[in-house]
Amino acid sequence: MSTQYWYNVRTGEVEQGAQSSWKHLLGPYNSHAEAARAMEKVRANNERWDESDPAEDAEG
């Protein structure tokens, strides 16, 4: 099994292996760099969802 990396939303740090409570972690990611960009991906997804057509959301 390859090493997995996790982003800790509480501390803002990347962990090699899940070292903290699952409720504070995003991941797993395949690299330290990918995990470090986790919040960028979250922000981009949130912006994309905010910009989506409300009619699409209602259709389900």
C-alpha atoms as a PDB file:
ATOM      1  CA  MET A   1       0.000   0.000   0.000  1.00  0.00           C
ATOM      2  CA  SER A   2       1.373   3.427  -0.923  1.00  0.00           C
ATOM      3  CA  THR A   3       1.691   6.301   1.492  1.00  0.00           C
ATOM      4  CA  GLN A   4      -1.406   8.430   1.838  1.00  0.00           C
ATOM      5  CA  TYR A   5      -1.528  12.080   2.831  1.00  0.00           C
ATOM      6  CA  TRP A   6      -4.313  13.935   4.594  1.00  0.00           C
ATOM      7  CA  TYR A   7      -5.060  17.632   5.062  1.00  0.00           C
ATOM      8  CA  ASN A   8      -6.007  18.588   8.615  1.00  0.00           C
ATOM      9  CA  VAL A   9      -8.579  21.413   8.446  1.00  0.00           C
ATOM     10  CA  ARG A  10      -8.093  22.251  12.123  1.00  0.00           C
ATOM     11  CA  THR A  11      -4.328  22.732  12.014  1.00  0.00           C
ATOM     12  CA  GLY A  12      -3.832  23.509   8.317  1.00  0.00           C
ATOM     13  CA  GLU A  13      -1.088  20.885   8.177  1.00  0.00           C
ATOM     14  CA  VAL A  14      -0.573  17.876   5.925  1.00  0.00           C
ATOM     15  CA  GLU A  15      -0.290  14.539   7.705  1.00  0.00           C
ATOM     16  CA  GLN A  16       1.455  11.474   6.361  1.00  0.00           C
ATOM     17  CA  GLY A  17      -1.062   8.794   7.239  1.00  0.00           C
ATOM     18  CA  ALA A  18      -4.207   9.656   9.157  1.00  0.00           C
ATOM     19  CA  GLN A  19      -2.881  10.810  12.525  1.00  0.00           C
ATOM     20  CA  SER A  20      -5.792  12.947  13.711  1.00  0.00           C
ATOM     21  CA  SER A  21      -9.507  12.522  14.214  1.00  0.00           C
ATOM     22  CA  TRP A  22     -11.338  11.763  10.966  1.00  0.00           C
ATOM     23  CA  LYS A  23     -13.625  14.748  11.531  1.00  0.00           C
ATOM     24  CA  HIS A  24     -10.634  17.063  10.925  1.00  0.00           C
ATOM     25  CA  LEU A  25      -9.228  15.363   7.808  1.00  0.00           C
ATOM     26  CA  LEU A  26      -9.659  15.717   4.055  1.00  0.00           C
ATOM     27  CA  GLY A  27      -8.245  12.973   1.891  1.00  0.00           C
ATOM     28  CA  PRO A  28      -6.632  10.687   1.247  1.00  0.00           C
ATOM     29  CA  TYR A  29      -4.296  12.183  -1.340  1.00  0.00           C
ATOM     30  CA  ASN A  30      -1.444  10.484  -3.169  1.00  0.00           C
ATOM     31  CA  SER A  31       1.135  13.202  -2.520  1.00  0.00           C
ATOM     32  CA  HIS A  32       2.022  15.838   0.046  1.00  0.00           C
ATOM     33  CA  ALA A  33       1.606  18.559  -2.591  1.00  0.00           C
ATOM     34  CA  GLU A  34      -1.871  17.366  -3.541  1.00  0.00           C
ATOM     35  CA  ALA A  35      -2.954  17.312   0.107  1.00  0.00           C
ATOM     36  CA  ALA A  36      -1.529  20.807   0.630  1.00  0.00           C
ATOM     37  CA  ARG A  37      -3.870  22.066  -2.126  1.00  0.00           C
ATOM     38  CA  ALA A  38      -6.956  20.468  -0.560  1.00  0.00           C
ATOM     39  CA  MET A  39      -8.538  23.742   0.535  1.00  0.00           C
ATOM     40  CA  GLU A  40      -8.003  25.254  -2.928  1.00  0.00           C
ATOM     41  CA  LYS A  41     -10.057  22.392  -4.358  1.00  0.00           C
ATOM     42  CA  VAL A  42     -12.750  22.863  -1.712  1.00  0.00           C
ATOM     43  CA  ARG A  43     -13.001  26.603  -2.491  1.00  0.00           C
ATOM     44  CA  ALA A  44     -13.136  25.958  -6.251  1.00  0.00           C
ATOM     45  CA  ASN A  45     -15.892  23.362  -5.809  1.00  0.00           C
ATOM     46  CA  ASN A  46     -17.882  25.705  -3.566  1.00  0.00           C
ATOM     47  CA  GLU A  47     -17.608  28.528  -6.108  1.00  0.00           C
ATOM     48  CA  ARG A  48     -18.688  26.224  -8.931  1.00  0.00           C
ATOM     49  CA  TRP A  49     -21.685  25.015  -6.921  1.00  0.00           C
ATOM     50  CA  ASP A  50     -22.623  28.592  -5.950  1.00  0.00           C
ATOM     51  CA  GLU A  51     -22.589  29.588  -9.615  1.00  0.00           C
ATOM     52  CA  SER A  52     -24.725  26.636 -10.730  1.00  0.00           C
ATOM     53  CA  ASP A  53     -28.210  27.274 -12.064  1.00  0.00           C
ATOM     54  CA  PRO A  54     -30.778  27.075  -9.207  1.00  0.00           C
ATOM     55  CA  ALA A  55     -33.244  25.426 -11.643  1.00  0.00           C
ATOM     56  CA  GLU A  56     -30.781  22.549 -12.072  1.00  0.00           C
ATOM     57  CA  ASP A  57     -30.678  22.082  -8.312  1.00  0.00           C
ATOM     58  CA  ALA A  58     -34.476  21.943  -8.086  1.00  0.00           C
ATOM     59  CA  GLU A  59     -34.685  19.300 -10.818  1.00  0.00           C
ATOM     60  CA  GLY A  60     -32.481  17.073  -8.791  1.00  0.00           C
END
